[in-house]
Amino acid sequence: MTRFVALALAISVFGAPFASAESPKLVYTKFFKGSKPEFVSITVERSGQTIYKEAPNDENPLQFQITDTEARELFDLAEKLDHFKRPLESGLKVAHMGIKTFRFEDGAAASETKFNYSEDADARALGDWFERIAETEQHYIDLDRTAHFDKLGVNQVLLQIQLTYDRKRLVAPQQFLPLLDRVGNNESYMHLARARASALAEAFRKNQPGSAPPAGIEEKAQK
């Protein structure tokens, strides 16, 4: 029997021997009726590949990459929480803040927990990570919308992005670069918006995600 025939037989019987297993992933969902948006879903793979949705059946989700360090921090928090195999709800009588779900998937295995409010420090840290991602992607959606349909509103959105970046809450800022370059290089936008977009793009290119922007970003926007 030739090596080719033997390999073909092995694949037909046992499946492709080199097929990679599905990457572990974390899935966060939040439903809060009356909020904007009411629904959020964030999926993070071990590789850092991240998907953001604002509807369960969203066929065009936002996709971007977080760093290896950030992905490792998220998965380390999930491990500290036993991959969500135990309850996280505090049981305290607190205001309703939306039903949140942490889910861990690793191939066919999956575990999840739902809660409104948790006193667990690791759960709160993980929840804040996902809130930062959601806040970032909502900025991205706002900038994309205003850049296309409301040029006078672009500068205000850019200011909100800058404030979020200053507070070190902007995740994967490099995803904004195509939009920032579009605004900064197009004279149909206000001068202030173009200057702010260019200053932010320069800061994002020079700095790692989550680090503080260089001094002078506001001064550059005002020139």
N, C-alpha and C. Protein backbone atom coordinates (compact mmCIF):
# COMPACT_ATOMS: atom_id res chain seq x y z
N MET A 1 0.85 -1.20 0.00
CA MET A 1 0.00 0.00 0.00
C MET A 1 0.89 1.25 0.00
N THR A 2 0.62 2.15 -0.94
CA THR A 2 1.43 3.36 -1.02
C THR A 2 1.11 4.29 0.13
N ARG A 3 2.05 5.27 0.39
CA ARG A 3 1.83 6.24 1.47
C ARG A 3 0.59 7.06 1.20
N PHE A 4 0.34 7.42 -0.08
CA PHE A 4 -0.82 8.24 -0.43
C PHE A 4 -2.12 7.51 -0.11
N VAL A 5 -2.18 6.22 -0.50
CA VAL A 5 -3.39 5.43 -0.25
C VAL A 5 -3.60 5.26 1.25
N ALA A 6 -2.50 5.00 1.98
CA ALA A 6 -2.61 4.82 3.43
C ALA A 6 -3.11 6.09 4.10
N LEU A 7 -2.61 7.25 3.65
CA LEU A 7 -3.03 8.51 4.23
C LEU A 7 -4.50 8.78 3.92
N ALA A 8 -4.91 8.51 2.69
CA ALA A 8 -6.31 8.71 2.31
C ALA A 8 -7.23 7.82 3.13
N LEU A 9 -6.80 6.56 3.36
CA LEU A 9 -7.60 5.65 4.16
C LEU A 9 -7.71 6.13 5.59
N ALA A 10 -6.59 6.63 6.14
CA ALA A 10 -6.61 7.13 7.52
C ALA A 10 -7.55 8.31 7.67
N ILE A 11 -7.54 9.22 6.68
CA ILE A 11 -8.42 10.38 6.74
C ILE A 11 -9.87 9.97 6.67
N SER A 12 -10.18 8.98 5.78
CA SER A 12 -11.56 8.55 5.62
C SER A 12 -12.09 7.86 6.87
N VAL A 13 -11.20 7.19 7.61
CA VAL A 13 -11.63 6.45 8.78
C VAL A 13 -11.62 7.32 10.04
N PHE A 14 -10.54 8.06 10.21
CA PHE A 14 -10.35 8.79 11.46
C PHE A 14 -10.54 10.30 11.35
N GLY A 15 -10.71 10.81 10.14
CA GLY A 15 -10.78 12.25 9.96
C GLY A 15 -9.39 12.80 9.71
N ALA A 16 -9.33 14.04 9.22
CA ALA A 16 -8.04 14.65 8.89
C ALA A 16 -7.17 14.73 10.13
N PRO A 17 -5.96 14.10 10.12
CA PRO A 17 -5.14 14.03 11.32
C PRO A 17 -4.58 15.38 11.73
N PHE A 18 -4.52 16.32 10.79
CA PHE A 18 -3.91 17.60 11.11
C PHE A 18 -4.96 18.69 11.30
N ALA A 19 -6.23 18.36 11.31
CA ALA A 19 -7.26 19.37 11.51
C ALA A 19 -7.15 19.94 12.92
N SER A 20 -7.12 21.27 13.02
CA SER A 20 -6.94 21.89 14.33
C SER A 20 -8.25 21.92 15.09
N ALA A 21 -8.14 21.75 16.39
CA ALA A 21 -9.33 21.80 17.23
C ALA A 21 -9.85 23.23 17.28
N GLU A 22 -11.13 23.37 17.53
CA GLU A 22 -11.73 24.69 17.62
C GLU A 22 -11.14 25.45 18.79
N SER A 23 -10.84 26.71 18.56
CA SER A 23 -10.19 27.52 19.59
C SER A 23 -11.16 27.81 20.73
N PRO A 24 -10.69 27.75 21.98
CA PRO A 24 -11.55 28.14 23.11
C PRO A 24 -11.99 29.59 22.93
N LYS A 25 -13.18 29.90 23.43
CA LYS A 25 -13.68 31.26 23.29
C LYS A 25 -14.50 31.66 24.51
N LEU A 26 -14.54 32.94 24.74
CA LEU A 26 -15.39 33.53 25.75
C LEU A 26 -16.51 34.29 25.05
N VAL A 27 -17.72 34.13 25.56
CA VAL A 27 -18.86 34.84 24.99
C VAL A 27 -19.56 35.62 26.10
N TYR A 28 -19.74 36.89 25.86
CA TYR A 28 -20.43 37.76 26.81
C TYR A 28 -21.68 38.31 26.13
N THR A 29 -22.82 38.20 26.79
CA THR A 29 -24.03 38.83 26.29
C THR A 29 -24.67 39.64 27.41
N LYS A 30 -25.33 40.69 27.01
CA LYS A 30 -26.03 41.54 27.97
C LYS A 30 -27.32 42.01 27.34
N PHE A 31 -28.42 41.85 28.09
CA PHE A 31 -29.71 42.36 27.63
C PHE A 31 -30.26 43.29 28.71
N PHE A 32 -30.50 44.53 28.30
CA PHE A 32 -31.01 45.54 29.23
C PHE A 32 -32.08 46.34 28.49
N LYS A 33 -33.32 45.97 28.72
CA LYS A 33 -34.43 46.59 28.00
C LYS A 33 -34.46 48.09 28.27
N GLY A 34 -34.59 48.86 27.21
CA GLY A 34 -34.65 50.30 27.32
C GLY A 34 -33.32 51.00 27.17
N SER A 35 -32.21 50.23 27.23
CA SER A 35 -30.90 50.83 27.06
C SER A 35 -30.58 50.91 25.56
N LYS A 36 -29.51 51.60 25.23
CA LYS A 36 -29.12 51.72 23.83
C LYS A 36 -27.65 51.35 23.69
N PRO A 37 -27.37 50.19 23.08
CA PRO A 37 -28.32 49.21 22.55
C PRO A 37 -28.89 48.32 23.66
N GLU A 38 -30.01 47.66 23.37
CA GLU A 38 -30.62 46.76 24.37
C GLU A 38 -29.85 45.46 24.49
N PHE A 39 -29.23 45.04 23.38
CA PHE A 39 -28.53 43.75 23.34
C PHE A 39 -27.09 43.95 22.88
N VAL A 40 -26.18 43.25 23.54
CA VAL A 40 -24.78 43.26 23.15
C VAL A 40 -24.25 41.83 23.25
N SER A 41 -23.46 41.43 22.27
CA SER A 41 -22.79 40.13 22.30
C SER A 41 -21.34 40.33 21.89
N ILE A 42 -20.43 39.79 22.70
CA ILE A 42 -19.00 39.90 22.42
C ILE A 42 -18.38 38.51 22.52
N THR A 43 -17.70 38.09 21.47
CA THR A 43 -17.01 36.80 21.46
C THR A 43 -15.52 37.03 21.30
N VAL A 44 -14.74 36.47 22.21
CA VAL A 44 -13.28 36.61 22.17
C VAL A 44 -12.65 35.23 22.09
N GLU A 45 -11.85 35.00 21.06
CA GLU A 45 -11.14 33.75 20.94
C GLU A 45 -9.77 33.86 21.61
N ARG A 46 -9.17 32.71 21.90
CA ARG A 46 -7.87 32.69 22.56
C ARG A 46 -6.83 33.48 21.76
N SER A 47 -6.98 33.51 20.44
CA SER A 47 -6.05 34.22 19.57
C SER A 47 -6.17 35.73 19.68
N GLY A 48 -7.27 36.20 20.29
CA GLY A 48 -7.53 37.63 20.38
C GLY A 48 -8.54 38.11 19.35
N GLN A 49 -8.93 37.26 18.41
CA GLN A 49 -9.95 37.63 17.44
C GLN A 49 -11.26 37.89 18.19
N THR A 50 -11.86 39.04 17.93
CA THR A 50 -13.03 39.46 18.69
C THR A 50 -14.16 39.86 17.75
N ILE A 51 -15.39 39.48 18.13
CA ILE A 51 -16.58 39.79 17.34
C ILE A 51 -17.58 40.52 18.23
N TYR A 52 -18.12 41.62 17.72
CA TYR A 52 -19.08 42.43 18.47
C TYR A 52 -20.39 42.51 17.69
N LYS A 53 -21.51 42.24 18.38
CA LYS A 53 -22.83 42.31 17.76
C LYS A 53 -23.79 43.11 18.64
N GLU A 54 -24.76 43.73 17.99
CA GLU A 54 -25.82 44.42 18.72
C GLU A 54 -27.19 43.81 18.40
N ALA A 55 -27.17 42.63 17.80
CA ALA A 55 -28.39 41.87 17.54
C ALA A 55 -28.00 40.40 17.43
N PRO A 56 -28.81 39.47 17.98
CA PRO A 56 -28.44 38.05 17.93
C PRO A 56 -28.21 37.53 16.52
N ASN A 57 -28.96 38.06 15.55
CA ASN A 57 -28.87 37.58 14.17
C ASN A 57 -28.09 38.54 13.28
N ASP A 58 -27.22 39.34 13.86
CA ASP A 58 -26.42 40.30 13.10
C ASP A 58 -25.52 39.57 12.12
N GLU A 59 -25.72 39.82 10.81
CA GLU A 59 -24.94 39.13 9.79
C GLU A 59 -23.67 39.89 9.40
N ASN A 60 -23.53 41.11 9.91
CA ASN A 60 -22.33 41.91 9.62
C ASN A 60 -21.75 42.48 10.91
N PRO A 61 -21.27 41.60 11.78
CA PRO A 61 -20.73 42.07 13.06
C PRO A 61 -19.40 42.79 12.86
N LEU A 62 -19.01 43.58 13.86
CA LEU A 62 -17.68 44.18 13.85
C LEU A 62 -16.67 43.13 14.29
N GLN A 63 -15.55 43.07 13.59
CA GLN A 63 -14.50 42.12 13.93
C GLN A 63 -13.17 42.86 14.03
N PHE A 64 -12.41 42.55 15.06
CA PHE A 64 -11.13 43.21 15.27
C PHE A 64 -10.26 42.30 16.14
N GLN A 65 -9.03 42.74 16.36
CA GLN A 65 -8.05 41.93 17.07
C GLN A 65 -7.58 42.65 18.32
N ILE A 66 -7.66 41.98 19.48
CA ILE A 66 -7.03 42.50 20.68
C ILE A 66 -5.67 41.83 20.82
N THR A 67 -4.82 42.36 21.69
CA THR A 67 -3.47 41.83 21.81
C THR A 67 -3.48 40.47 22.53
N ASP A 68 -2.37 39.74 22.38
CA ASP A 68 -2.22 38.46 23.09
C ASP A 68 -2.31 38.68 24.61
N THR A 69 -1.70 39.77 25.07
CA THR A 69 -1.72 40.05 26.51
C THR A 69 -3.14 40.30 27.00
N GLU A 70 -3.91 41.05 26.23
CA GLU A 70 -5.30 41.32 26.62
C GLU A 70 -6.13 40.05 26.61
N ALA A 71 -5.96 39.24 25.57
CA ALA A 71 -6.71 37.98 25.49
C ALA A 71 -6.35 37.07 26.66
N ARG A 72 -5.07 37.01 26.99
CA ARG A 72 -4.63 36.17 28.10
C ARG A 72 -5.24 36.66 29.42
N GLU A 73 -5.33 37.97 29.60
CA GLU A 73 -5.94 38.51 30.82
C GLU A 73 -7.40 38.10 30.94
N LEU A 74 -8.12 38.16 29.83
CA LEU A 74 -9.53 37.77 29.84
C LEU A 74 -9.69 36.29 30.17
N PHE A 75 -8.88 35.43 29.54
CA PHE A 75 -9.00 34.00 29.78
C PHE A 75 -8.51 33.63 31.17
N ASP A 76 -7.54 34.36 31.70
CA ASP A 76 -7.09 34.12 33.08
C ASP A 76 -8.22 34.44 34.07
N LEU A 77 -8.94 35.51 33.83
CA LEU A 77 -10.07 35.85 34.69
C LEU A 77 -11.15 34.77 34.61
N ALA A 78 -11.40 34.27 33.40
CA ALA A 78 -12.39 33.21 33.24
C ALA A 78 -11.97 31.96 34.00
N GLU A 79 -10.67 31.66 34.00
CA GLU A 79 -10.17 30.49 34.73
C GLU A 79 -10.36 30.67 36.23
N LYS A 80 -10.11 31.89 36.72
CA LYS A 80 -10.31 32.17 38.14
C LYS A 80 -11.78 32.01 38.54
N LEU A 81 -12.65 32.18 37.57
CA LEU A 81 -14.10 32.03 37.81
C LEU A 81 -14.57 30.61 37.48
N ASP A 82 -13.64 29.66 37.42
CA ASP A 82 -13.96 28.25 37.14
C ASP A 82 -14.70 28.08 35.82
N HIS A 83 -14.35 28.95 34.86
CA HIS A 83 -14.99 28.90 33.54
C HIS A 83 -16.51 28.94 33.65
N PHE A 84 -16.98 29.71 34.66
CA PHE A 84 -18.41 30.01 34.83
C PHE A 84 -19.24 28.78 35.20
N LYS A 85 -18.63 27.87 35.92
CA LYS A 85 -19.35 26.67 36.37
C LYS A 85 -20.03 26.88 37.72
N ARG A 86 -19.85 28.05 38.30
CA ARG A 86 -20.50 28.34 39.58
C ARG A 86 -21.27 29.66 39.49
N PRO A 87 -22.27 29.83 40.34
CA PRO A 87 -23.07 31.07 40.30
C PRO A 87 -22.23 32.29 40.63
N LEU A 88 -22.58 33.42 40.01
CA LEU A 88 -21.91 34.69 40.28
C LEU A 88 -22.85 35.75 40.82
N GLU A 89 -24.14 35.48 40.77
CA GLU A 89 -25.12 36.45 41.25
C GLU A 89 -24.95 36.68 42.75
N SER A 90 -24.96 37.95 43.15
CA SER A 90 -24.74 38.29 44.56
C SER A 90 -25.93 37.93 45.44
N GLY A 91 -27.14 37.99 44.88
CA GLY A 91 -28.33 37.76 45.69
C GLY A 91 -28.79 39.00 46.43
N LEU A 92 -28.04 40.09 46.33
CA LEU A 92 -28.41 41.33 47.00
C LEU A 92 -29.54 42.01 46.25
N LYS A 93 -30.33 42.78 46.98
CA LYS A 93 -31.40 43.56 46.36
C LYS A 93 -30.80 44.86 45.82
N VAL A 94 -30.46 44.85 44.55
CA VAL A 94 -29.87 46.02 43.91
C VAL A 94 -30.69 46.36 42.67
N ALA A 95 -30.45 47.53 42.13
CA ALA A 95 -31.16 47.96 40.93
C ALA A 95 -30.86 47.00 39.78
N HIS A 96 -31.84 46.86 38.90
CA HIS A 96 -31.65 46.00 37.73
C HIS A 96 -30.68 46.68 36.77
N MET A 97 -29.60 45.99 36.43
CA MET A 97 -28.57 46.57 35.57
C MET A 97 -28.35 45.75 34.30
N GLY A 98 -29.36 44.96 33.96
CA GLY A 98 -29.25 44.14 32.76
C GLY A 98 -28.80 42.73 33.08
N ILE A 99 -29.36 41.77 32.35
CA ILE A 99 -28.97 40.37 32.54
C ILE A 99 -27.72 40.10 31.71
N LYS A 100 -26.67 39.72 32.41
CA LYS A 100 -25.38 39.46 31.77
C LYS A 100 -25.10 37.95 31.80
N THR A 101 -24.50 37.46 30.74
CA THR A 101 -24.14 36.05 30.64
C THR A 101 -22.66 35.93 30.31
N PHE A 102 -21.95 35.16 31.12
CA PHE A 102 -20.58 34.75 30.80
C PHE A 102 -20.66 33.31 30.31
N ARG A 103 -20.04 33.02 29.17
CA ARG A 103 -20.06 31.67 28.63
C ARG A 103 -18.65 31.30 28.16
N PHE A 104 -18.25 30.07 28.47
CA PHE A 104 -16.96 29.54 28.02
C PHE A 104 -17.23 28.35 27.12
N GLU A 105 -16.62 28.35 25.94
CA GLU A 105 -16.77 27.26 24.99
C GLU A 105 -15.40 26.72 24.61
N ASP A 106 -15.27 25.41 24.67
CA ASP A 106 -14.02 24.74 24.28
C ASP A 106 -14.41 23.46 23.56
N GLY A 107 -14.51 23.55 22.24
CA GLY A 107 -14.99 22.42 21.47
C GLY A 107 -16.45 22.15 21.80
N ALA A 108 -16.75 20.89 22.14
CA ALA A 108 -18.13 20.52 22.47
C ALA A 108 -18.49 20.91 23.90
N ALA A 109 -17.51 21.21 24.73
CA ALA A 109 -17.77 21.55 26.13
C ALA A 109 -18.12 23.02 26.25
N ALA A 110 -19.08 23.31 27.11
CA ALA A 110 -19.50 24.70 27.33
C ALA A 110 -20.07 24.84 28.73
N SER A 111 -19.89 26.00 29.31
CA SER A 111 -20.46 26.30 30.63
C SER A 111 -20.74 27.79 30.68
N GLU A 112 -21.80 28.16 31.41
CA GLU A 112 -22.17 29.56 31.47
C GLU A 112 -22.90 29.88 32.77
N THR A 113 -22.94 31.17 33.07
CA THR A 113 -23.70 31.64 34.23
C THR A 113 -24.29 32.99 33.90
N LYS A 114 -25.47 33.26 34.46
CA LYS A 114 -26.17 34.53 34.25
C LYS A 114 -26.27 35.27 35.57
N PHE A 115 -26.23 36.60 35.50
CA PHE A 115 -26.35 37.38 36.72
C PHE A 115 -26.72 38.82 36.39
N ASN A 116 -27.26 39.49 37.39
CA ASN A 116 -27.53 40.93 37.30
C ASN A 116 -26.39 41.72 37.94
N TYR A 117 -26.00 41.29 39.14
CA TYR A 117 -24.93 41.97 39.86
C TYR A 117 -24.12 40.95 40.63
N SER A 118 -22.80 41.07 40.59
CA SER A 118 -21.92 40.15 41.30
C SER A 118 -20.96 40.92 42.19
N GLU A 119 -20.70 40.38 43.35
CA GLU A 119 -19.70 40.96 44.25
C GLU A 119 -18.32 40.36 44.03
N ASP A 120 -18.22 39.33 43.21
CA ASP A 120 -16.94 38.68 42.94
C ASP A 120 -16.03 39.66 42.18
N ALA A 121 -14.86 39.92 42.74
CA ALA A 121 -13.94 40.90 42.14
C ALA A 121 -13.51 40.48 40.74
N ASP A 122 -13.29 39.19 40.51
CA ASP A 122 -12.87 38.73 39.19
C ASP A 122 -14.00 38.87 38.18
N ALA A 123 -15.22 38.59 38.62
CA ALA A 123 -16.37 38.74 37.73
C ALA A 123 -16.55 40.21 37.35
N ARG A 124 -16.36 41.10 38.31
CA ARG A 124 -16.50 42.52 38.02
C ARG A 124 -15.39 43.00 37.10
N ALA A 125 -14.18 42.47 37.28
CA ALA A 125 -13.07 42.84 36.40
C ALA A 125 -13.33 42.36 34.97
N LEU A 126 -13.82 41.13 34.84
CA LEU A 126 -14.13 40.60 33.51
C LEU A 126 -15.28 41.38 32.88
N GLY A 127 -16.30 41.67 33.68
CA GLY A 127 -17.42 42.45 33.17
C GLY A 127 -16.98 43.82 32.69
N ASP A 128 -16.05 44.46 33.42
CA ASP A 128 -15.56 45.76 33.00
C ASP A 128 -14.80 45.67 31.69
N TRP A 129 -14.06 44.59 31.50
CA TRP A 129 -13.37 44.39 30.23
C TRP A 129 -14.36 44.38 29.07
N PHE A 130 -15.43 43.62 29.23
CA PHE A 130 -16.43 43.55 28.16
C PHE A 130 -17.15 44.89 27.98
N GLU A 131 -17.36 45.62 29.06
CA GLU A 131 -17.99 46.93 28.95
C GLU A 131 -17.08 47.89 28.18
N ARG A 132 -15.78 47.79 28.40
CA ARG A 132 -14.83 48.62 27.65
C ARG A 132 -14.90 48.30 26.15
N ILE A 133 -14.98 47.02 25.84
CA ILE A 133 -15.08 46.63 24.43
C ILE A 133 -16.37 47.18 23.83
N ALA A 134 -17.49 47.04 24.54
CA ALA A 134 -18.77 47.54 24.04
C ALA A 134 -18.72 49.05 23.84
N GLU A 135 -18.16 49.77 24.80
CA GLU A 135 -18.05 51.23 24.70
C GLU A 135 -17.22 51.62 23.47
N THR A 136 -16.13 50.91 23.25
CA THR A 136 -15.27 51.18 22.10
C THR A 136 -16.01 50.96 20.80
N GLU A 137 -16.71 49.84 20.68
CA GLU A 137 -17.38 49.53 19.42
C GLU A 137 -18.56 50.47 19.16
N GLN A 138 -19.20 50.95 20.21
CA GLN A 138 -20.26 51.94 20.02
C GLN A 138 -19.68 53.25 19.51
N HIS A 139 -18.48 53.62 19.96
CA HIS A 139 -17.79 54.79 19.39
C HIS A 139 -17.50 54.55 17.91
N TYR A 140 -17.04 53.34 17.59
CA TYR A 140 -16.71 53.02 16.20
C TYR A 140 -17.95 53.16 15.32
N ILE A 141 -19.07 52.61 15.79
CA ILE A 141 -20.32 52.69 15.02
C ILE A 141 -20.74 54.15 14.84
N ASP A 142 -20.62 54.95 15.90
CA ASP A 142 -20.99 56.36 15.82
C ASP A 142 -20.10 57.11 14.83
N LEU A 143 -18.79 56.83 14.85
CA LEU A 143 -17.89 57.52 13.93
C LEU A 143 -18.17 57.11 12.49
N ASP A 144 -18.39 55.84 12.27
CA ASP A 144 -18.70 55.36 10.92
C ASP A 144 -19.99 56.01 10.40
N ARG A 145 -21.00 56.11 11.27
CA ARG A 145 -22.28 56.71 10.85
C ARG A 145 -22.12 58.19 10.54
N THR A 146 -21.49 58.93 11.45
CA THR A 146 -21.37 60.36 11.23
C THR A 146 -20.45 60.67 10.05
N ALA A 147 -19.39 59.88 9.87
CA ALA A 147 -18.49 60.11 8.75
C ALA A 147 -19.21 59.98 7.41
N HIS A 148 -20.23 59.12 7.38
CA HIS A 148 -20.99 58.92 6.14
C HIS A 148 -22.18 59.86 6.01
N PHE A 149 -22.86 60.15 7.12
CA PHE A 149 -24.16 60.81 7.01
C PHE A 149 -24.31 62.11 7.80
N ASP A 150 -23.36 62.45 8.63
CA ASP A 150 -23.50 63.64 9.48
C ASP A 150 -22.13 64.26 9.73
N LYS A 151 -21.57 64.87 8.71
CA LYS A 151 -20.20 65.37 8.81
C LYS A 151 -20.04 66.42 9.90
N LEU A 152 -21.10 67.18 10.19
CA LEU A 152 -21.00 68.18 11.25
C LEU A 152 -20.91 67.53 12.63
N GLY A 153 -21.35 66.27 12.75
CA GLY A 153 -21.31 65.58 14.04
C GLY A 153 -20.03 64.81 14.29
N VAL A 154 -19.13 64.77 13.31
CA VAL A 154 -17.92 63.96 13.42
C VAL A 154 -17.02 64.43 14.56
N ASN A 155 -16.83 65.74 14.68
CA ASN A 155 -15.91 66.24 15.70
C ASN A 155 -16.35 65.85 17.11
N GLN A 156 -17.66 65.89 17.38
CA GLN A 156 -18.15 65.53 18.70
C GLN A 156 -17.87 64.06 19.01
N VAL A 157 -18.04 63.19 18.01
CA VAL A 157 -17.75 61.77 18.20
C VAL A 157 -16.25 61.57 18.42
N LEU A 158 -15.44 62.27 17.67
CA LEU A 158 -13.99 62.18 17.84
C LEU A 158 -13.57 62.62 19.24
N LEU A 159 -14.24 63.65 19.77
CA LEU A 159 -13.93 64.10 21.12
C LEU A 159 -14.25 63.02 22.15
N GLN A 160 -15.37 62.31 21.96
CA GLN A 160 -15.72 61.23 22.87
C GLN A 160 -14.70 60.08 22.78
N ILE A 161 -14.24 59.79 21.59
CA ILE A 161 -13.21 58.76 21.41
C ILE A 161 -11.93 59.18 22.14
N GLN A 162 -11.56 60.46 21.99
CA GLN A 162 -10.37 60.96 22.65
C GLN A 162 -10.49 60.86 24.17
N LEU A 163 -11.65 61.21 24.71
CA LEU A 163 -11.84 61.14 26.16
C LEU A 163 -11.76 59.69 26.65
N THR A 164 -12.34 58.78 25.89
CA THR A 164 -12.27 57.37 26.26
C THR A 164 -10.83 56.86 26.21
N TYR A 165 -10.10 57.29 25.22
CA TYR A 165 -8.68 56.91 25.10
C TYR A 165 -7.87 57.48 26.25
N ASP A 166 -8.15 58.74 26.61
CA ASP A 166 -7.44 59.38 27.73
C ASP A 166 -7.66 58.60 29.03
N ARG A 167 -8.85 58.03 29.19
CA ARG A 167 -9.17 57.27 30.40
C ARG A 167 -8.68 55.82 30.31
N LYS A 168 -7.98 55.49 29.22
CA LYS A 168 -7.45 54.14 28.99
C LYS A 168 -8.55 53.09 28.94
N ARG A 169 -9.66 53.46 28.30
CA ARG A 169 -10.77 52.53 28.17
C ARG A 169 -11.04 52.16 26.71
N LEU A 170 -10.24 52.66 25.80
CA LEU A 170 -10.42 52.34 24.39
C LEU A 170 -9.66 51.05 24.08
N VAL A 171 -10.35 50.10 23.49
CA VAL A 171 -9.76 48.79 23.20
C VAL A 171 -9.45 48.69 21.70
N ALA A 172 -8.25 48.17 21.39
CA ALA A 172 -7.83 47.99 20.00
C ALA A 172 -8.03 49.25 19.17
N PRO A 173 -7.40 50.37 19.56
CA PRO A 173 -7.62 51.63 18.86
C PRO A 173 -7.21 51.60 17.40
N GLN A 174 -6.34 50.65 17.00
CA GLN A 174 -5.91 50.59 15.60
C GLN A 174 -7.07 50.34 14.65
N GLN A 175 -8.17 49.77 15.16
CA GLN A 175 -9.31 49.51 14.28
C GLN A 175 -9.92 50.80 13.75
N PHE A 176 -9.66 51.93 14.43
CA PHE A 176 -10.21 53.21 14.01
C PHE A 176 -9.41 53.87 12.89
N LEU A 177 -8.20 53.39 12.61
CA LEU A 177 -7.31 54.10 11.71
C LEU A 177 -7.89 54.36 10.32
N PRO A 178 -8.55 53.39 9.65
CA PRO A 178 -9.11 53.71 8.33
C PRO A 178 -10.12 54.85 8.38
N LEU A 179 -10.97 54.88 9.41
CA LEU A 179 -11.95 55.96 9.52
C LEU A 179 -11.28 57.29 9.84
N LEU A 180 -10.29 57.27 10.74
CA LEU A 180 -9.59 58.50 11.10
C LEU A 180 -8.84 59.06 9.90
N ASP A 181 -8.20 58.20 9.13
CA ASP A 181 -7.48 58.66 7.93
C ASP A 181 -8.45 59.23 6.91
N ARG A 182 -9.60 58.63 6.80
CA ARG A 182 -10.60 59.14 5.86
C ARG A 182 -11.01 60.56 6.22
N VAL A 183 -11.26 60.79 7.51
CA VAL A 183 -11.66 62.13 7.95
C VAL A 183 -10.50 63.11 7.84
N GLY A 184 -9.33 62.69 8.32
CA GLY A 184 -8.19 63.59 8.34
C GLY A 184 -7.72 64.03 6.97
N ASN A 185 -7.96 63.21 5.95
CA ASN A 185 -7.46 63.51 4.61
C ASN A 185 -8.52 64.06 3.67
N ASN A 186 -9.72 64.33 4.20
CA ASN A 186 -10.82 64.77 3.34
C ASN A 186 -11.25 66.19 3.72
N GLU A 187 -11.08 67.12 2.83
CA GLU A 187 -11.36 68.53 3.13
C GLU A 187 -12.85 68.83 3.22
N SER A 188 -13.70 67.87 2.96
CA SER A 188 -15.14 68.11 3.10
C SER A 188 -15.57 68.12 4.56
N TYR A 189 -14.68 67.68 5.47
CA TYR A 189 -14.97 67.72 6.90
C TYR A 189 -14.43 69.03 7.48
N MET A 190 -14.99 69.45 8.61
CA MET A 190 -14.52 70.65 9.28
C MET A 190 -13.04 70.53 9.61
N HIS A 191 -12.36 71.68 9.60
CA HIS A 191 -10.92 71.69 9.90
C HIS A 191 -10.64 71.09 11.28
N LEU A 192 -11.46 71.45 12.28
CA LEU A 192 -11.24 70.94 13.63
C LEU A 192 -11.36 69.42 13.67
N ALA A 193 -12.34 68.88 12.95
CA ALA A 193 -12.52 67.43 12.91
C ALA A 193 -11.34 66.77 12.21
N ARG A 194 -10.87 67.35 11.12
CA ARG A 194 -9.73 66.76 10.40
C ARG A 194 -8.47 66.77 11.25
N ALA A 195 -8.26 67.89 11.96
CA ALA A 195 -7.07 67.99 12.81
C ALA A 195 -7.15 67.00 13.97
N ARG A 196 -8.33 66.86 14.57
CA ARG A 196 -8.47 65.92 15.69
C ARG A 196 -8.31 64.48 15.21
N ALA A 197 -8.88 64.16 14.06
CA ALA A 197 -8.75 62.81 13.51
C ALA A 197 -7.29 62.48 13.23
N SER A 198 -6.55 63.43 12.66
CA SER A 198 -5.14 63.20 12.35
C SER A 198 -4.32 63.03 13.63
N ALA A 199 -4.63 63.83 14.66
CA ALA A 199 -3.91 63.72 15.93
C ALA A 199 -4.17 62.38 16.60
N LEU A 200 -5.41 61.93 16.56
CA LEU A 200 -5.74 60.63 17.14
C LEU A 200 -5.06 59.50 16.37
N ALA A 201 -5.08 59.59 15.04
CA ALA A 201 -4.44 58.56 14.23
C ALA A 201 -2.95 58.47 14.54
N GLU A 202 -2.31 59.62 14.70
CA GLU A 202 -0.89 59.63 15.04
C GLU A 202 -0.65 58.97 16.40
N ALA A 203 -1.50 59.30 17.38
CA ALA A 203 -1.36 58.72 18.71
C ALA A 203 -1.57 57.21 18.67
N PHE A 204 -2.57 56.74 17.94
CA PHE A 204 -2.87 55.31 17.88
C PHE A 204 -1.74 54.54 17.20
N ARG A 205 -1.10 55.16 16.22
CA ARG A 205 -0.01 54.48 15.52
C ARG A 205 1.25 54.41 16.38
N LYS A 206 1.43 55.38 17.25
CA LYS A 206 2.66 55.44 18.04
C LYS A 206 2.57 54.65 19.34
N ASN A 207 1.35 54.38 19.80
CA ASN A 207 1.18 53.80 21.12
C ASN A 207 0.51 52.44 21.06
N GLN A 208 0.86 51.62 22.05
CA GLN A 208 0.21 50.32 22.18
C GLN A 208 -1.20 50.51 22.69
N PRO A 209 -2.12 49.56 22.39
CA PRO A 209 -3.49 49.68 22.88
C PRO A 209 -3.54 49.86 24.38
N GLY A 210 -4.33 50.83 24.82
CA GLY A 210 -4.54 51.04 26.24
C GLY A 210 -3.56 51.99 26.88
N SER A 211 -2.49 52.40 26.18
CA SER A 211 -1.55 53.33 26.77
C SER A 211 -2.03 54.76 26.59
N ALA A 212 -1.50 55.67 27.38
CA ALA A 212 -1.95 57.05 27.32
C ALA A 212 -1.47 57.70 26.04
N PRO A 213 -2.25 58.63 25.46
CA PRO A 213 -1.83 59.32 24.26
C PRO A 213 -0.71 60.30 24.57
N PRO A 214 0.09 60.63 23.59
CA PRO A 214 1.14 61.60 23.83
C PRO A 214 0.57 62.96 24.12
N ALA A 215 1.34 63.79 24.82
CA ALA A 215 0.88 65.13 25.14
C ALA A 215 0.69 65.93 23.86
N GLY A 216 -0.26 66.85 23.89
CA GLY A 216 -0.44 67.75 22.77
C GLY A 216 -1.53 67.38 21.82
N ILE A 217 -2.30 66.30 22.10
CA ILE A 217 -3.32 65.88 21.16
C ILE A 217 -4.40 66.95 21.01
N GLU A 218 -4.76 67.61 22.11
CA GLU A 218 -5.77 68.66 22.06
C GLU A 218 -5.23 69.89 21.34
N GLU A 219 -3.96 70.22 21.61
CA GLU A 219 -3.37 71.38 20.96
C GLU A 219 -3.33 71.20 19.44
N LYS A 220 -2.99 69.98 18.98
CA LYS A 220 -2.96 69.72 17.55
C LYS A 220 -4.34 69.87 16.94
N ALA A 221 -5.38 69.44 17.68
CA ALA A 221 -6.74 69.54 17.15
C ALA A 221 -7.19 70.98 17.03
N GLN A 222 -6.66 71.86 17.90
CA GLN A 222 -7.09 73.26 17.91
C GLN A 222 -6.39 74.09 16.86
N LYS A 223 -5.26 73.59 16.32
CA LYS A 223 -4.50 74.39 15.35
C LYS A 223 -5.21 74.47 14.02
